[in-house]
Amino acid sequence: MAPERFRRISIAHDLTLHQRQIIEEVRRKALDELEREKEGEDEGASSEGNYRIIVVGQQTMKPRAVKVPLRN
């Protein structure tokens, strides 16, 4: 059982179901595009590294995906 100070805390989504679906679609499209870019690279070419896809503008109706390189 949780301590008394945590019993009145509730957690809720800050996005509607429709907003979450749009964000998932934007992220899926960005991941598909990234996979196509990786497939298009030559075998001998040096890879630029791994990327993280971040969806910005989640509270708006026009979210977009940003490709951020991961540091080594």
Protein backbone atom coordinates (compact mmCIF):
# COMPACT_ATOMS: atom_id res chain seq x y z
CA MET A 1 0.00 0.00 0.00
CA ALA A 2 1.22 3.49 -0.84
CA PRO A 3 2.15 6.03 1.82
CA GLU A 4 -0.60 8.47 2.79
CA ARG A 5 0.98 11.41 0.93
CA PHE A 6 0.68 9.54 -2.41
CA ARG A 7 -2.89 8.25 -2.06
CA ARG A 8 -4.55 11.37 -3.43
CA ILE A 9 -2.33 11.67 -6.52
CA SER A 10 -3.80 10.72 -9.88
CA ILE A 11 -2.10 10.58 -13.26
CA ALA A 12 -3.93 11.44 -16.48
CA HIS A 13 -3.00 11.85 -20.13
CA ASP A 14 -2.52 15.44 -21.21
CA LEU A 15 -3.37 14.51 -24.82
CA THR A 16 -6.66 13.36 -26.26
CA LEU A 17 -6.93 10.00 -27.97
CA HIS A 18 -7.04 11.73 -31.37
CA GLN A 19 -3.87 13.73 -30.59
CA ARG A 20 -2.04 10.56 -29.52
CA GLN A 21 -3.07 8.83 -32.76
CA ILE A 22 -1.77 11.74 -34.84
CA ILE A 23 1.54 11.71 -32.94
CA GLU A 24 1.91 7.95 -33.45
CA GLU A 25 1.29 8.38 -37.18
CA VAL A 26 3.85 11.20 -37.48
CA ARG A 27 6.44 9.16 -35.60
CA ARG A 28 5.75 6.02 -37.66
CA LYS A 29 6.17 7.98 -40.91
CA ALA A 30 9.46 9.46 -39.67
CA LEU A 31 10.76 6.01 -38.68
CA ASP A 32 9.79 4.60 -42.09
CA GLU A 33 11.61 7.48 -43.81
CA LEU A 34 14.69 6.87 -41.67
CA GLU A 35 14.67 3.18 -42.60
CA ARG A 36 14.47 4.07 -46.31
CA GLU A 37 17.44 6.43 -45.88
CA LYS A 38 19.47 3.68 -44.22
CA GLU A 39 18.58 1.20 -46.98
CA GLY A 40 19.63 3.75 -49.61
CA GLU A 41 23.14 4.18 -48.18
CA ASP A 42 26.01 2.42 -49.93
CA GLU A 43 27.56 -0.53 -48.13
CA GLY A 44 31.00 1.13 -48.19
CA ALA A 45 29.83 4.51 -46.97
CA SER A 46 30.37 5.43 -43.35
CA SER A 47 27.17 5.51 -41.34
CA GLU A 48 26.28 8.79 -39.65
CA GLY A 49 25.11 6.93 -36.57
CA ASN A 50 21.87 6.30 -34.76
CA TYR A 51 19.03 8.77 -34.46
CA ARG A 52 16.21 9.45 -32.05
CA ILE A 53 12.88 10.59 -33.44
CA ILE A 54 11.22 13.28 -31.34
CA VAL A 55 7.74 14.60 -32.12
CA VAL A 56 7.46 18.32 -31.36
CA GLY A 57 4.28 20.39 -31.28
CA GLN A 58 2.29 17.63 -29.64
CA GLN A 59 -0.31 20.02 -28.25
CA THR A 60 -0.97 21.51 -31.70
CA MET A 61 -2.83 19.92 -34.57
CA LYS A 62 0.35 19.99 -36.70
CA PRO A 63 3.01 17.99 -34.84
CA ARG A 64 6.24 17.26 -36.69
CA ALA A 65 9.05 14.78 -36.24
CA VAL A 66 12.62 15.87 -35.63
CA LYS A 67 15.56 13.52 -36.23
CA VAL A 68 18.19 13.99 -33.50
CA PRO A 69 21.56 12.19 -33.78
CA LEU A 70 22.58 10.21 -30.71
CA ARG A 71 25.97 10.92 -29.24
CA ASN A 72 28.55 8.17 -28.99
